[in-house]
Structures are given as C-alpha cells and as structure tokens.
C-alpha cells in the first residue's frame, strides 16, 4: 500500500522552510542598563547605631526592540534610612533581551510582565547586594518575589476597575 502525504509533520521529520510554528522563547542577553548608588551622609552615617529602615520599590517596563525581540527592564529602587538620615539610595535598572517567536498575543504580556522578571530577578538581586556591600553596608538580600502572583493581582484589579466602570 502506498503512503500518502497528508500534510502532517511528525517530530522526527525535518521541518520545511517557513513551517516552524512552534512557540519559542529565549533569553538572548541580560545587562545592567543603569545603576546608581548614593551614600549622601558618609562617613557620619557609619557611626549611627541601629538597623536602617528599608523601602524597596519595583517597576517592570517592556519594549519591542526588534522583530520577535523584546526588552524587559526590572527597575529596583531602594531607600534606606537610619534615625531619619538617609543611609543609602540605590536605583538599578536590570534588563534582558528576550527572543519570542510564535507566542499567542494573549500570552505575550503575561510572559513579559511575570515570567521574564522572574528570570532576571536573581541576577538583579546580586548586583543590588554587591552595590550596597561595596557602599560600606551589609549586603541587601531581597527575598524572592512571585511576579506571577503580582501580575495576576494587578490584572484582576484592572478587570474589576474596568467592570465597575462598565456598570456605571
């Protein structure tokens, strides 16, 4: 019996040109885009006893920088104060270039705002800890962050706001 070519491609056959439709994601590069460390009250701040009060803020930005290439920027801002005096300020923008091919539109934003920052965070955390340590303080070791849960909370809150606005 003759085999017919029914257009089905199995995993063992090479793909013809243009037939690569499988979703693909790759981290192409990661880098420090901007880093600022300020120690405005040195050396007097080293004489102030007590642990600093630390405020940490996160922001995630994305931009398409080429065909199928997106830049994700994880910005971390830290302000540490001891007895009302600024001990140190850190502003870190840590970025990654992600190659994304054949990703459905509804999955693009969740990847860029949840999964990509999760991949970048351990490296940004190390850069931040080293900068604080090099500034003469104990390294600041941030706890792991569940960017997926934060994304879901924000998406749900935006959905509620949109839903409430639609019912008004």
C-alpha atoms as a PDB file:
ATOM      1  CA  UNK A   1       0.000   0.000   0.000  1.00  0.00           C
ATOM      2  CA  UNK A   2       1.364   3.412  -0.987  1.00  0.00           C
ATOM      3  CA  UNK A   3       1.799   6.027   1.755  1.00  0.00           C
ATOM      4  CA  UNK A   4       0.102   9.326   1.094  1.00  0.00           C
ATOM      5  CA  UNK A   5       1.466  12.708   2.149  1.00  0.00           C
ATOM      6  CA  UNK A   6      -1.426  14.109   4.160  1.00  0.00           C
ATOM      7  CA  UNK A   7       0.449  17.257   5.268  1.00  0.00           C
ATOM      8  CA  UNK A   8       1.068  16.020   8.807  1.00  0.00           C
ATOM      9  CA  UNK A   9       4.560  16.627  10.103  1.00  0.00           C
ATOM     10  CA  UNK A  10       5.835  14.314  12.802  1.00  0.00           C
ATOM     11  CA  UNK A  11       8.533  15.172  15.315  1.00  0.00           C
ATOM     12  CA  UNK A  12      11.152  13.074  13.517  1.00  0.00           C
ATOM     13  CA  UNK A  13      10.926  14.711  10.104  1.00  0.00           C
ATOM     14  CA  UNK A  14      12.778  17.931   9.293  1.00  0.00           C
ATOM     15  CA  UNK A  15      10.548  20.982   9.005  1.00  0.00           C
ATOM     16  CA  UNK A  16      10.218  22.571   5.583  1.00  0.00           C
ATOM     17  CA  UNK A  17      11.150  26.247   5.279  1.00  0.00           C
ATOM     18  CA  UNK A  18       8.594  28.524   6.890  1.00  0.00           C
ATOM     19  CA  UNK A  19       6.828  25.705   8.746  1.00  0.00           C
ATOM     20  CA  UNK A  20       8.340  26.411  12.174  1.00  0.00           C
ATOM     21  CA  UNK A  21       5.219  27.431  14.066  1.00  0.00           C
ATOM     22  CA  UNK A  22       6.084  26.102  17.497  1.00  0.00           C
ATOM     23  CA  UNK A  23       6.280  28.744  20.257  1.00  0.00           C
ATOM     24  CA  UNK A  24       9.856  29.577  21.209  1.00  0.00           C
ATOM     25  CA  UNK A  25      11.311  31.769  23.937  1.00  0.00           C
ATOM     26  CA  UNK A  26      14.952  32.545  24.581  1.00  0.00           C
ATOM     27  CA  UNK A  27      16.905  34.865  26.841  1.00  0.00           C
ATOM     28  CA  UNK A  28      19.301  36.486  24.389  1.00  0.00           C
ATOM     29  CA  UNK A  29      21.178  38.797  26.752  1.00  0.00           C
ATOM     30  CA  UNK A  30      20.960  40.422  30.162  1.00  0.00           C
ATOM     31  CA  UNK A  31      22.712  43.520  31.411  1.00  0.00           C
ATOM     32  CA  UNK A  32      22.807  46.423  33.834  1.00  0.00           C
ATOM     33  CA  UNK A  33      21.119  49.262  31.976  1.00  0.00           C
ATOM     34  CA  UNK A  34      21.514  51.817  34.767  1.00  0.00           C
ATOM     35  CA  UNK A  35      22.934  51.677  38.277  1.00  0.00           C
ATOM     36  CA  UNK A  36      23.156  54.496  40.780  1.00  0.00           C
ATOM     37  CA  UNK A  37      24.335  54.181  44.375  1.00  0.00           C
ATOM     38  CA  UNK A  38      24.285  57.211  46.651  1.00  0.00           C
ATOM     39  CA  UNK A  39      25.751  57.416  50.131  1.00  0.00           C
ATOM     40  CA  UNK A  40      24.962  61.078  50.924  1.00  0.00           C
ATOM     41  CA  UNK A  41      25.752  61.046  54.655  1.00  0.00           C
ATOM     42  CA  UNK A  42      29.045  59.144  54.611  1.00  0.00           C
ATOM     43  CA  UNK A  43      31.125  58.847  56.694  1.00  0.00           C
ATOM     44  CA  UNK A  44      28.897  60.068  59.556  1.00  0.00           C
ATOM     45  CA  UNK A  45      26.160  57.526  58.786  1.00  0.00           C
ATOM     46  CA  UNK A  46      28.507  54.680  59.744  1.00  0.00           C
ATOM     47  CA  UNK A  47      28.550  55.989  63.311  1.00  0.00           C
ATOM     48  CA  UNK A  48      24.739  55.965  63.706  1.00  0.00           C
ATOM     49  CA  UNK A  49      23.637  52.850  65.610  1.00  0.00           C
ATOM     50  CA  UNK A  50      20.623  50.823  64.592  1.00  0.00           C
ATOM     51  CA  UNK A  51      19.349  48.954  61.621  1.00  0.00           C
ATOM     52  CA  UNK A  52      18.153  51.003  58.675  1.00  0.00           C
ATOM     53  CA  UNK A  53      14.510  51.194  57.659  1.00  0.00           C
ATOM     54  CA  UNK A  54      14.454  49.993  54.065  1.00  0.00           C
ATOM     55  CA  UNK A  55      11.874  50.867  51.412  1.00  0.00           C
ATOM     56  CA  UNK A  56      12.048  48.839  48.189  1.00  0.00           C
ATOM     57  CA  UNK A  57      10.024  49.662  45.074  1.00  0.00           C
ATOM     58  CA  UNK A  58       9.788  47.604  41.884  1.00  0.00           C
ATOM     59  CA  UNK A  59       8.719  48.576  38.399  1.00  0.00           C
ATOM     60  CA  UNK A  60       8.705  46.496  35.217  1.00  0.00           C
ATOM     61  CA  UNK A  61       8.921  48.019  31.760  1.00  0.00           C
ATOM     62  CA  UNK A  62       8.849  46.374  28.356  1.00  0.00           C
ATOM     63  CA  UNK A  63       9.579  47.477  24.816  1.00  0.00           C
ATOM     64  CA  UNK A  64       9.744  45.713  21.493  1.00  0.00           C
ATOM     65  CA  UNK A  65      13.228  46.445  20.135  1.00  0.00           C
ATOM     66  CA  UNK A  66      13.180  44.281  17.019  1.00  0.00           C
ATOM     67  CA  UNK A  67      11.194  41.681  15.192  1.00  0.00           C
ATOM     68  CA  UNK A  68      10.444  38.986  17.785  1.00  0.00           C
ATOM     69  CA  UNK A  69      12.804  40.691  20.299  1.00  0.00           C
ATOM     70  CA  UNK A  70      11.567  42.386  23.476  1.00  0.00           C
ATOM     71  CA  UNK A  71      13.490  44.211  26.177  1.00  0.00           C
ATOM     72  CA  UNK A  72      12.257  43.765  29.747  1.00  0.00           C
ATOM     73  CA  UNK A  73      13.570  46.197  32.346  1.00  0.00           C
ATOM     74  CA  UNK A  74      13.335  45.336  36.030  1.00  0.00           C
ATOM     75  CA  UNK A  75      13.777  48.579  37.976  1.00  0.00           C
ATOM     76  CA  UNK A  76      14.534  48.343  41.693  1.00  0.00           C
ATOM     77  CA  UNK A  77      14.691  51.464  43.834  1.00  0.00           C
ATOM     78  CA  UNK A  78      15.884  51.234  47.434  1.00  0.00           C
ATOM     79  CA  UNK A  79      15.901  53.915  50.116  1.00  0.00           C
ATOM     80  CA  UNK A  80      17.482  53.128  53.486  1.00  0.00           C
ATOM     81  CA  UNK A  81      17.216  55.492  56.466  1.00  0.00           C
ATOM     82  CA  UNK A  82      18.621  55.345  59.992  1.00  0.00           C
ATOM     83  CA  UNK A  83      17.165  57.710  62.593  1.00  0.00           C
ATOM     84  CA  UNK A  84      15.769  59.982  59.891  1.00  0.00           C
ATOM     85  CA  UNK A  85      19.024  60.185  57.944  1.00  0.00           C
ATOM     86  CA  UNK A  86      19.466  58.659  54.515  1.00  0.00           C
ATOM     87  CA  UNK A  87      21.930  55.796  54.754  1.00  0.00           C
ATOM     88  CA  UNK A  88      21.909  54.918  51.046  1.00  0.00           C
ATOM     89  CA  UNK A  89      19.872  55.138  47.867  1.00  0.00           C
ATOM     90  CA  UNK A  90      20.085  52.603  45.047  1.00  0.00           C
ATOM     91  CA  UNK A  91      18.445  52.814  41.647  1.00  0.00           C
ATOM     92  CA  UNK A  92      19.010  49.740  39.490  1.00  0.00           C
ATOM     93  CA  UNK A  93      17.613  49.090  36.029  1.00  0.00           C
ATOM     94  CA  UNK A  94      18.458  45.499  35.091  1.00  0.00           C
ATOM     95  CA  UNK A  95      17.363  44.432  31.629  1.00  0.00           C
ATOM     96  CA  UNK A  96      17.088  41.376  29.469  1.00  0.00           C
ATOM     97  CA  UNK A  97      16.515  40.820  25.778  1.00  0.00           C
ATOM     98  CA  UNK A  98      14.063  38.034  25.064  1.00  0.00           C
ATOM     99  CA  UNK A  99      13.513  36.399  21.710  1.00  0.00           C
ATOM    100  CA  UNK A 100       9.843  35.439  21.410  1.00  0.00           C
ATOM    101  CA  UNK A 101       8.582  33.629  18.346  1.00  0.00           C
ATOM    102  CA  UNK A 102       5.109  32.256  17.640  1.00  0.00           C
ATOM    103  CA  UNK A 103       3.767  33.313  21.043  1.00  0.00           C
ATOM    104  CA  UNK A 104      -0.016  33.901  21.020  1.00  0.00           C
ATOM    105  CA  UNK A 105      -0.888  37.538  21.716  1.00  0.00           C
ATOM    106  CA  UNK A 106      -2.784  36.657  24.899  1.00  0.00           C
ATOM    107  CA  UNK A 107       0.368  35.042  26.354  1.00  0.00           C
ATOM    108  CA  UNK A 108       2.835  37.786  25.419  1.00  0.00           C
ATOM    109  CA  UNK A 109       2.024  40.264  28.204  1.00  0.00           C
ATOM    110  CA  UNK A 110       1.920  37.623  30.987  1.00  0.00           C
ATOM    111  CA  UNK A 111       5.331  36.376  29.868  1.00  0.00           C
ATOM    112  CA  UNK A 112       6.882  39.847  29.640  1.00  0.00           C
ATOM    113  CA  UNK A 113       5.475  41.086  32.966  1.00  0.00           C
ATOM    114  CA  UNK A 114       5.647  37.919  35.071  1.00  0.00           C
ATOM    115  CA  UNK A 115       7.973  35.218  33.748  1.00  0.00           C
ATOM    116  CA  UNK A 116      10.707  37.445  32.280  1.00  0.00           C
ATOM    117  CA  UNK A 117      11.176  39.439  35.529  1.00  0.00           C
ATOM    118  CA  UNK A 118      11.303  36.144  37.436  1.00  0.00           C
ATOM    119  CA  UNK A 119      14.207  35.068  35.236  1.00  0.00           C
ATOM    120  CA  UNK A 120      16.031  38.391  35.639  1.00  0.00           C
ATOM    121  CA  UNK A 121      15.469  38.857  39.381  1.00  0.00           C
ATOM    122  CA  UNK A 122      18.249  36.603  40.783  1.00  0.00           C
ATOM    123  CA  UNK A 123      20.862  38.462  38.750  1.00  0.00           C
ATOM    124  CA  UNK A 124      19.466  41.900  39.621  1.00  0.00           C
ATOM    125  CA  UNK A 125      19.380  40.826  43.279  1.00  0.00           C
ATOM    126  CA  UNK A 126      23.102  40.010  43.169  1.00  0.00           C
ATOM    127  CA  UNK A 127      24.004  43.333  41.515  1.00  0.00           C
ATOM    128  CA  UNK A 128      21.991  45.196  44.150  1.00  0.00           C
ATOM    129  CA  UNK A 129      23.558  43.259  47.045  1.00  0.00           C
ATOM    130  CA  UNK A 130      27.059  43.897  45.694  1.00  0.00           C
ATOM    131  CA  UNK A 131      26.403  47.632  45.247  1.00  0.00           C
ATOM    132  CA  UNK A 132      25.127  48.004  48.813  1.00  0.00           C
ATOM    133  CA  UNK A 133      28.047  45.969  50.187  1.00  0.00           C
ATOM    134  CA  UNK A 134      30.552  47.999  48.143  1.00  0.00           C
ATOM    135  CA  UNK A 135      28.980  51.144  49.637  1.00  0.00           C
ATOM    136  CA  UNK A 136      30.040  50.033  53.108  1.00  0.00           C
ATOM    137  CA  UNK A 137      26.808  48.429  54.335  1.00  0.00           C
ATOM    138  CA  UNK A 138      25.656  44.878  54.914  1.00  0.00           C
ATOM    139  CA  UNK A 139      24.572  43.331  51.594  1.00  0.00           C
ATOM    140  CA  UNK A 140      20.872  43.802  50.945  1.00  0.00           C
ATOM    141  CA  UNK A 141      19.499  40.344  50.114  1.00  0.00           C
ATOM    142  CA  UNK A 142      15.977  40.711  48.793  1.00  0.00           C
ATOM    143  CA  UNK A 143      13.518  37.882  49.307  1.00  0.00           C
ATOM    144  CA  UNK A 144      12.322  36.088  46.163  1.00  0.00           C
ATOM    145  CA  UNK A 145       9.308  37.723  44.538  1.00  0.00           C
ATOM    146  CA  UNK A 146       6.362  35.948  42.949  1.00  0.00           C
ATOM    147  CA  UNK A 147       5.980  38.141  39.869  1.00  0.00           C
ATOM    148  CA  UNK A 148       3.277  35.822  38.528  1.00  0.00           C
ATOM    149  CA  UNK A 149       1.055  36.388  41.566  1.00  0.00           C
ATOM    150  CA  UNK A 150       1.634  40.144  41.405  1.00  0.00           C
ATOM    151  CA  UNK A 151       0.721  40.159  37.706  1.00  0.00           C
ATOM    152  CA  UNK A 152      -2.465  38.195  38.412  1.00  0.00           C
ATOM    153  CA  UNK A 153      -3.440  40.570  41.254  1.00  0.00           C
ATOM    154  CA  UNK A 154      -2.932  43.622  39.052  1.00  0.00           C
ATOM    155  CA  UNK A 155      -4.791  42.051  36.122  1.00  0.00           C
ATOM    156  CA  UNK A 156      -7.677  41.149  38.437  1.00  0.00           C
ATOM    157  CA  UNK A 157      -7.742  44.668  39.925  1.00  0.00           C
ATOM    158  CA  UNK A 158      -7.755  46.211  36.438  1.00  0.00           C
ATOM    159  CA  UNK A 159     -10.553  43.848  35.444  1.00  0.00           C
ATOM    160  CA  UNK A 160     -12.580  44.944  38.467  1.00  0.00           C
ATOM    161  CA  UNK A 161     -11.979  48.618  37.664  1.00  0.00           C
ATOM    162  CA  UNK A 162     -12.989  48.036  34.045  1.00  0.00           C
ATOM    163  CA  UNK A 163     -16.025  46.035  35.177  1.00  0.00           C
ATOM    164  CA  UNK A 164     -17.083  48.723  37.648  1.00  0.00           C
ATOM    165  CA  UNK A 165     -16.606  51.458  35.032  1.00  0.00           C
ATOM    166  CA  UNK A 166     -18.719  49.492  32.561  1.00  0.00           C
ATOM    167  CA  UNK A 167     -21.623  49.199  35.017  1.00  0.00           C
ATOM    168  CA  UNK A 168     -21.712  52.903  35.905  1.00  0.00           C
END
